[in-house]
Amino acid sequence: MSAGNAPALYERIRSDQQLTQELFRQALQDPSGALTRICSLGSDWGLPVSRDEVKAHLQAIDDPETKQWLLKARGGL
């Protein structure tokens, strides 16, 4: 597993507006499930990441939309 995969996975997800919205809605209701889904997508796309890598990357991003997602989903992350 490479910590370098988290940024690439984030960009791939972010480039798909529908997927981004699905994950956002899921995170509002099931934050842990959204995190699991993100990790599964990474594995499916050859960009394996751990839950901790995803959390660390999301916390390091200085993007208003991501910050909003984190604020709303923080309970499960």
PDB file of N, CA and C in Angstrom:
ATOM      1  N   MET A   1       0.838  -1.180   0.000  1.00  0.00           N
ATOM      2  CA  MET A   1       0.000   0.000   0.000  1.00  0.00           C
ATOM      3  C   MET A   1       0.883   1.243   0.000  1.00  0.00           C
ATOM      4  N   SER A   2       0.565   2.159  -0.814  1.00  0.00           N
ATOM      5  CA  SER A   2       1.368   3.367  -0.920  1.00  0.00           C
ATOM      6  C   SER A   2       0.566   4.578  -0.473  1.00  0.00           C
ATOM      7  N   ALA A   3       1.180   5.383   0.387  1.00  0.00           N
ATOM      8  CA  ALA A   3       0.518   6.614   0.820  1.00  0.00           C
ATOM      9  C   ALA A   3       0.291   7.529  -0.376  1.00  0.00           C
ATOM     10  N   GLY A   4       1.081   7.330  -1.440  1.00  0.00           N
ATOM     11  CA  GLY A   4       0.942   8.135  -2.638  1.00  0.00           C
ATOM     12  C   GLY A   4      -0.340   7.867  -3.405  1.00  0.00           C
ATOM     13  N   ASN A   5      -1.031   6.789  -3.102  1.00  0.00           N
ATOM     14  CA  ASN A   5      -2.267   6.474  -3.815  1.00  0.00           C
ATOM     15  C   ASN A   5      -3.443   7.345  -3.384  1.00  0.00           C
ATOM     16  N   ALA A   6      -3.435   7.833  -2.168  1.00  0.00           N
ATOM     17  CA  ALA A   6      -4.577   8.611  -1.670  1.00  0.00           C
ATOM     18  C   ALA A   6      -4.836   9.862  -2.513  1.00  0.00           C
ATOM     19  N   PRO A   7      -3.813  10.656  -2.852  1.00  0.00           N
ATOM     20  CA  PRO A   7      -4.092  11.832  -3.691  1.00  0.00           C
ATOM     21  C   PRO A   7      -4.640  11.459  -5.069  1.00  0.00           C
ATOM     22  N   ALA A   8      -4.096  10.416  -5.677  1.00  0.00           N
ATOM     23  CA  ALA A   8      -4.569   9.997  -7.001  1.00  0.00           C
ATOM     24  C   ALA A   8      -6.011   9.491  -6.922  1.00  0.00           C
ATOM     25  N   LEU A   9      -6.317   8.747  -5.870  1.00  0.00           N
ATOM     26  CA  LEU A   9      -7.677   8.245  -5.688  1.00  0.00           C
ATOM     27  C   LEU A   9      -8.645   9.408  -5.466  1.00  0.00           C
ATOM     28  N   TYR A  10      -8.249  10.362  -4.651  1.00  0.00           N
ATOM     29  CA  TYR A  10      -9.077  11.544  -4.403  1.00  0.00           C
ATOM     30  C   TYR A  10      -9.398  12.264  -5.712  1.00  0.00           C
ATOM     31  N   GLU A  11      -8.389  12.471  -6.537  1.00  0.00           N
ATOM     32  CA  GLU A  11      -8.602  13.170  -7.805  1.00  0.00           C
ATOM     33  C   GLU A  11      -9.500  12.373  -8.740  1.00  0.00           C
ATOM     34  N   ARG A  12      -9.341  11.062  -8.738  1.00  0.00           N
ATOM     35  CA  ARG A  12     -10.189  10.232  -9.609  1.00  0.00           C
ATOM     36  C   ARG A  12     -11.648  10.316  -9.166  1.00  0.00           C
ATOM     37  N   ILE A  13     -11.872  10.235  -7.871  1.00  0.00           N
ATOM     38  CA  ILE A  13     -13.243  10.339  -7.354  1.00  0.00           C
ATOM     39  C   ILE A  13     -13.799  11.735  -7.629  1.00  0.00           C
ATOM     40  N   ARG A  14     -13.004  12.737  -7.376  1.00  0.00           N
ATOM     41  CA  ARG A  14     -13.447  14.119  -7.550  1.00  0.00           C
ATOM     42  C   ARG A  14     -13.789  14.438  -9.005  1.00  0.00           C
ATOM     43  N   SER A  15     -13.154  13.768  -9.936  1.00  0.00           N
ATOM     44  CA  SER A  15     -13.420  14.027 -11.352  1.00  0.00           C
ATOM     45  C   SER A  15     -14.768  13.464 -11.807  1.00  0.00           C
ATOM     46  N   ASP A  16     -15.385  12.631 -10.981  1.00  0.00           N
ATOM     47  CA  ASP A  16     -16.691  12.046 -11.290  1.00  0.00           C
ATOM     48  C   ASP A  16     -17.727  12.693 -10.371  1.00  0.00           C
ATOM     49  N   GLN A  17     -18.419  13.695 -10.876  1.00  0.00           N
ATOM     50  CA  GLN A  17     -19.353  14.471 -10.058  1.00  0.00           C
ATOM     51  C   GLN A  17     -20.433  13.596  -9.429  1.00  0.00           C
ATOM     52  N   GLN A  18     -20.961  12.642 -10.186  1.00  0.00           N
ATOM     53  CA  GLN A  18     -22.018  11.779  -9.651  1.00  0.00           C
ATOM     54  C   GLN A  18     -21.492  10.934  -8.497  1.00  0.00           C
ATOM     55  N   LEU A  19     -20.325  10.346  -8.665  1.00  0.00           N
ATOM     56  CA  LEU A  19     -19.732   9.534  -7.605  1.00  0.00           C
ATOM     57  C   LEU A  19     -19.426  10.386  -6.377  1.00  0.00           C
ATOM     58  N   THR A  20     -18.920  11.585  -6.608  1.00  0.00           N
ATOM     59  CA  THR A  20     -18.621  12.490  -5.498  1.00  0.00           C
ATOM     60  C   THR A  20     -19.879  12.771  -4.686  1.00  0.00           C
ATOM     61  N   GLN A  21     -20.983  13.051  -5.371  1.00  0.00           N
ATOM     62  CA  GLN A  21     -22.245  13.327  -4.682  1.00  0.00           C
ATOM     63  C   GLN A  21     -22.770  12.097  -3.952  1.00  0.00           C
ATOM     64  N   GLU A  22     -22.642  10.918  -4.561  1.00  0.00           N
ATOM     65  CA  GLU A  22     -23.068   9.681  -3.903  1.00  0.00           C
ATOM     66  C   GLU A  22     -22.290   9.459  -2.613  1.00  0.00           C
ATOM     67  N   LEU A  23     -20.987   9.653  -2.682  1.00  0.00           N
ATOM     68  CA  LEU A  23     -20.157   9.463  -1.491  1.00  0.00           C
ATOM     69  C   LEU A  23     -20.477  10.503  -0.423  1.00  0.00           C
ATOM     70  N   PHE A  24     -20.747  11.730  -0.841  1.00  0.00           N
ATOM     71  CA  PHE A  24     -21.116  12.774   0.111  1.00  0.00           C
ATOM     72  C   PHE A  24     -22.410  12.406   0.833  1.00  0.00           C
ATOM     73  N   ARG A  25     -23.416  11.990   0.066  1.00  0.00           N
ATOM     74  CA  ARG A  25     -24.693  11.601   0.682  1.00  0.00           C
ATOM     75  C   ARG A  25     -24.508  10.401   1.602  1.00  0.00           C
ATOM     76  N   GLN A  26     -23.706   9.434   1.177  1.00  0.00           N
ATOM     77  CA  GLN A  26     -23.461   8.269   2.018  1.00  0.00           C
ATOM     78  C   GLN A  26     -22.745   8.686   3.300  1.00  0.00           C
ATOM     79  N   ALA A  27     -21.793   9.590   3.180  1.00  0.00           N
ATOM     80  CA  ALA A  27     -21.026  10.031   4.348  1.00  0.00           C
ATOM     81  C   ALA A  27     -21.911  10.725   5.381  1.00  0.00           C
ATOM     82  N   LEU A  28     -22.944  11.401   4.924  1.00  0.00           N
ATOM     83  CA  LEU A  28     -23.851  12.065   5.857  1.00  0.00           C
ATOM     84  C   LEU A  28     -24.614  11.057   6.705  1.00  0.00           C
ATOM     85  N   GLN A  29     -24.944   9.910   6.124  1.00  0.00           N
ATOM     86  CA  GLN A  29     -25.726   8.904   6.831  1.00  0.00           C
ATOM     87  C   GLN A  29     -24.876   7.788   7.408  1.00  0.00           C
ATOM     88  N   ASP A  30     -23.780   7.468   6.748  1.00  0.00           N
ATOM     89  CA  ASP A  30     -22.943   6.337   7.148  1.00  0.00           C
ATOM     90  C   ASP A  30     -21.474   6.658   6.851  1.00  0.00           C
ATOM     91  N   PRO A  31     -20.858   7.514   7.663  1.00  0.00           N
ATOM     92  CA  PRO A  31     -19.479   7.930   7.389  1.00  0.00           C
ATOM     93  C   PRO A  31     -18.496   6.770   7.290  1.00  0.00           C
ATOM     94  N   SER A  32     -18.637   5.807   8.157  1.00  0.00           N
ATOM     95  CA  SER A  32     -17.725   4.664   8.131  1.00  0.00           C
ATOM     96  C   SER A  32     -17.907   3.856   6.853  1.00  0.00           C
ATOM     97  N   GLY A  33     -19.147   3.709   6.420  1.00  0.00           N
ATOM     98  CA  GLY A  33     -19.426   3.001   5.176  1.00  0.00           C
ATOM     99  C   GLY A  33     -18.866   3.728   3.966  1.00  0.00           C
ATOM    100  N   ALA A  34     -18.922   5.058   3.992  1.00  0.00           N
ATOM    101  CA  ALA A  34     -18.356   5.844   2.891  1.00  0.00           C
ATOM    102  C   ALA A  34     -16.850   5.648   2.828  1.00  0.00           C
ATOM    103  N   LEU A  35     -16.218   5.612   3.978  1.00  0.00           N
ATOM    104  CA  LEU A  35     -14.777   5.399   4.024  1.00  0.00           C
ATOM    105  C   LEU A  35     -14.417   4.009   3.503  1.00  0.00           C
ATOM    106  N   THR A  36     -15.204   3.021   3.872  1.00  0.00           N
ATOM    107  CA  THR A  36     -14.991   1.663   3.365  1.00  0.00           C
ATOM    108  C   THR A  36     -15.166   1.626   1.854  1.00  0.00           C
ATOM    109  N   ARG A  37     -16.175   2.321   1.356  1.00  0.00           N
ATOM    110  CA  ARG A  37     -16.417   2.359  -0.094  1.00  0.00           C
ATOM    111  C   ARG A  37     -15.262   3.030  -0.825  1.00  0.00           C
ATOM    112  N   ILE A  38     -14.722   4.106  -0.267  1.00  0.00           N
ATOM    113  CA  ILE A  38     -13.581   4.784  -0.879  1.00  0.00           C
ATOM    114  C   ILE A  38     -12.396   3.826  -0.972  1.00  0.00           C
ATOM    115  N   CYS A  39     -12.144   3.087   0.092  1.00  0.00           N
ATOM    116  CA  CYS A  39     -11.039   2.116   0.077  1.00  0.00           C
ATOM    117  C   CYS A  39     -11.295   1.015  -0.950  1.00  0.00           C
ATOM    118  N   SER A  40     -12.536   0.579  -1.072  1.00  0.00           N
ATOM    119  CA  SER A  40     -12.883  -0.447  -2.063  1.00  0.00           C
ATOM    120  C   SER A  40     -12.691   0.067  -3.483  1.00  0.00           C
ATOM    121  N   LEU A  41     -13.093   1.305  -3.722  1.00  0.00           N
ATOM    122  CA  LEU A  41     -12.878   1.897  -5.043  1.00  0.00           C
ATOM    123  C   LEU A  41     -11.389   1.937  -5.362  1.00  0.00           C
ATOM    124  N   GLY A  42     -10.589   2.302  -4.380  1.00  0.00           N
ATOM    125  CA  GLY A  42      -9.140   2.328  -4.581  1.00  0.00           C
ATOM    126  C   GLY A  42      -8.605   0.971  -4.982  1.00  0.00           C
ATOM    127  N   SER A  43      -9.051  -0.063  -4.306  1.00  0.00           N
ATOM    128  CA  SER A  43      -8.615  -1.421  -4.653  1.00  0.00           C
ATOM    129  C   SER A  43      -9.061  -1.796  -6.057  1.00  0.00           C
ATOM    130  N   ASP A  44     -10.309  -1.477  -6.383  1.00  0.00           N
ATOM    131  CA  ASP A  44     -10.846  -1.794  -7.711  1.00  0.00           C
ATOM    132  C   ASP A  44     -10.075  -1.086  -8.825  1.00  0.00           C
ATOM    133  N   TRP A  45      -9.597   0.109  -8.546  1.00  0.00           N
ATOM    134  CA  TRP A  45      -8.918   0.921  -9.554  1.00  0.00           C
ATOM    135  C   TRP A  45      -7.397   0.795  -9.509  1.00  0.00           C
ATOM    136  N   GLY A  46      -6.897  -0.149  -8.713  1.00  0.00           N
ATOM    137  CA  GLY A  46      -5.447  -0.330  -8.626  1.00  0.00           C
ATOM    138  C   GLY A  46      -4.754   0.771  -7.844  1.00  0.00           C
ATOM    139  N   LEU A  47      -5.503   1.427  -6.967  1.00  0.00           N
ATOM    140  CA  LEU A  47      -4.958   2.492  -6.118  1.00  0.00           C
ATOM    141  C   LEU A  47      -5.264   2.174  -4.651  1.00  0.00           C
ATOM    142  N   PRO A  48      -4.752   1.048  -4.146  1.00  0.00           N
ATOM    143  CA  PRO A  48      -5.108   0.633  -2.787  1.00  0.00           C
ATOM    144  C   PRO A  48      -4.657   1.641  -1.734  1.00  0.00           C
ATOM    145  N   VAL A  49      -5.549   1.877  -0.787  1.00  0.00           N
ATOM    146  CA  VAL A  49      -5.273   2.776   0.329  1.00  0.00           C
ATOM    147  C   VAL A  49      -5.896   2.199   1.594  1.00  0.00           C
ATOM    148  N   SER A  50      -5.356   2.598   2.722  1.00  0.00           N
ATOM    149  CA  SER A  50      -5.952   2.213   3.999  1.00  0.00           C
ATOM    150  C   SER A  50      -6.911   3.314   4.443  1.00  0.00           C
ATOM    151  N   ARG A  51      -7.740   2.985   5.400  1.00  0.00           N
ATOM    152  CA  ARG A  51      -8.657   3.984   5.954  1.00  0.00           C
ATOM    153  C   ARG A  51      -7.871   5.162   6.529  1.00  0.00           C
ATOM    154  N   ASP A  52      -6.773   4.860   7.207  1.00  0.00           N
ATOM    155  CA  ASP A  52      -5.955   5.921   7.803  1.00  0.00           C
ATOM    156  C   ASP A  52      -5.336   6.824   6.741  1.00  0.00           C
ATOM    157  N   GLU A  53      -4.931   6.241   5.617  1.00  0.00           N
ATOM    158  CA  GLU A  53      -4.365   7.048   4.528  1.00  0.00           C
ATOM    159  C   GLU A  53      -5.414   7.988   3.946  1.00  0.00           C
ATOM    160  N   VAL A  54      -6.627   7.484   3.791  1.00  0.00           N
ATOM    161  CA  VAL A  54      -7.709   8.323   3.267  1.00  0.00           C
ATOM    162  C   VAL A  54      -7.986   9.466   4.242  1.00  0.00           C
ATOM    163  N   LYS A  55      -8.114   9.143   5.524  1.00  0.00           N
ATOM    164  CA  LYS A  55      -8.392  10.182   6.517  1.00  0.00           C
ATOM    165  C   LYS A  55      -7.284  11.226   6.555  1.00  0.00           C
ATOM    166  N   ALA A  56      -6.034  10.778   6.529  1.00  0.00           N
ATOM    167  CA  ALA A  56      -4.904  11.717   6.572  1.00  0.00           C
ATOM    168  C   ALA A  56      -4.915  12.629   5.350  1.00  0.00           C
ATOM    169  N   HIS A  57      -5.196  12.060   4.192  1.00  0.00           N
ATOM    170  CA  HIS A  57      -5.215  12.885   2.977  1.00  0.00           C
ATOM    171  C   HIS A  57      -6.354  13.901   3.022  1.00  0.00           C
ATOM    172  N   LEU A  58      -7.535  13.469   3.423  1.00  0.00           N
ATOM    173  CA  LEU A  58      -8.672  14.384   3.483  1.00  0.00           C
ATOM    174  C   LEU A  58      -8.419  15.524   4.464  1.00  0.00           C
ATOM    175  N   GLN A  59      -7.782  15.217   5.572  1.00  0.00           N
ATOM    176  CA  GLN A  59      -7.515  16.254   6.568  1.00  0.00           C
ATOM    177  C   GLN A  59      -6.454  17.241   6.093  1.00  0.00           C
ATOM    178  N   ALA A  60      -5.606  16.816   5.171  1.00  0.00           N
ATOM    179  CA  ALA A  60      -4.530  17.679   4.680  1.00  0.00           C
ATOM    180  C   ALA A  60      -4.976  18.589   3.532  1.00  0.00           C
ATOM    181  N   ILE A  61      -6.136  18.318   2.969  1.00  0.00           N
ATOM    182  CA  ILE A  61      -6.615  19.088   1.814  1.00  0.00           C
ATOM    183  C   ILE A  61      -7.184  20.426   2.272  1.00  0.00           C
ATOM    184  N   ASP A  62      -6.797  21.481   1.570  1.00  0.00           N
ATOM    185  CA  ASP A  62      -7.312  22.817   1.867  1.00  0.00           C
ATOM    186  C   ASP A  62      -8.295  23.217   0.766  1.00  0.00           C
ATOM    187  N   ASP A  63      -9.459  22.578   0.815  1.00  0.00           N
ATOM    188  CA  ASP A  63     -10.491  22.778  -0.199  1.00  0.00           C
ATOM    189  C   ASP A  63     -11.822  22.944   0.533  1.00  0.00           C
ATOM    190  N   PRO A  64     -12.567  24.017   0.289  1.00  0.00           N
ATOM    191  CA  PRO A  64     -13.810  24.265   1.023  1.00  0.00           C
ATOM    192  C   PRO A  64     -14.824  23.117   0.946  1.00  0.00           C
ATOM    193  N   GLU A  65     -14.987  22.511  -0.222  1.00  0.00           N
ATOM    194  CA  GLU A  65     -15.958  21.421  -0.354  1.00  0.00           C
ATOM    195  C   GLU A  65     -15.546  20.216   0.478  1.00  0.00           C
ATOM    196  N   THR A  66     -14.262  19.900   0.452  1.00  0.00           N
ATOM    197  CA  THR A  66     -13.767  18.772   1.237  1.00  0.00           C
ATOM    198  C   THR A  66     -13.906  19.073   2.721  1.00  0.00           C
ATOM    199  N   LYS A  67     -13.590  20.285   3.121  1.00  0.00           N
ATOM    200  CA  LYS A  67     -13.723  20.676   4.531  1.00  0.00           C
ATOM    201  C   LYS A  67     -15.174  20.551   4.982  1.00  0.00           C
ATOM    202  N   GLN A  68     -16.123  20.924   4.121  1.00  0.00           N
ATOM    203  CA  GLN A  68     -17.541  20.802   4.454  1.00  0.00           C
ATOM    204  C   GLN A  68     -17.911  19.330   4.642  1.00  0.00           C
ATOM    205  N   TRP A  69     -17.441  18.486   3.743  1.00  0.00           N
ATOM    206  CA  TRP A  69     -17.708  17.053   3.834  1.00  0.00           C
ATOM    207  C   TRP A  69     -17.160  16.506   5.141  1.00  0.00           C
ATOM    208  N   LEU A  70     -15.939  16.881   5.477  1.00  0.00           N
ATOM    209  CA  LEU A  70     -15.323  16.398   6.713  1.00  0.00           C
ATOM    210  C   LEU A  70     -16.084  16.868   7.940  1.00  0.00           C
ATOM    211  N   LEU A  71     -16.506  18.106   7.930  1.00  0.00           N
ATOM    212  CA  LEU A  71     -17.240  18.649   9.060  1.00  0.00           C
ATOM    213  C   LEU A  71     -18.528  17.866   9.294  1.00  0.00           C
ATOM    214  N   LYS A  72     -19.247  17.572   8.224  1.00  0.00           N
ATOM    215  CA  LYS A  72     -20.515  16.857   8.349  1.00  0.00           C
ATOM    216  C   LYS A  72     -20.328  15.375   8.640  1.00  0.00           C
ATOM    217  N   ALA A  73     -19.237  14.798   8.165  1.00  0.00           N
ATOM    218  CA  ALA A  73     -19.037  13.355   8.304  1.00  0.00           C
ATOM    219  C   ALA A  73     -18.082  12.986   9.436  1.00  0.00           C
ATOM    220  N   ARG A  74     -17.560  13.951  10.131  1.00  0.00           N
ATOM    221  CA  ARG A  74     -16.510  13.720  11.118  1.00  0.00           C
ATOM    222  C   ARG A  74     -16.843  12.630  12.136  1.00  0.00           C
ATOM    223  N   GLY A  75     -18.072  12.512  12.530  1.00  0.00           N
ATOM    224  CA  GLY A  75     -18.438  11.530  13.536  1.00  0.00           C
ATOM    225  C   GLY A  75     -18.007  10.114  13.221  1.00  0.00           C
ATOM    226  N   GLY A  76     -18.062   9.702  11.976  1.00  0.00           N
ATOM    227  CA  GLY A  76     -17.703   8.339  11.613  1.00  0.00           C
ATOM    228  C   GLY A  76     -16.281   8.184  11.149  1.00  0.00           C
ATOM    229  N   LEU A  77     -15.602   9.275  10.914  1.00  0.00           N
ATOM    230  CA  LEU A  77     -14.220   9.194  10.464  1.00  0.00           C
ATOM    231  C   LEU A  77     -13.320   9.212  11.667  1.00  0.00           C
TER     232      LEU A  77
END
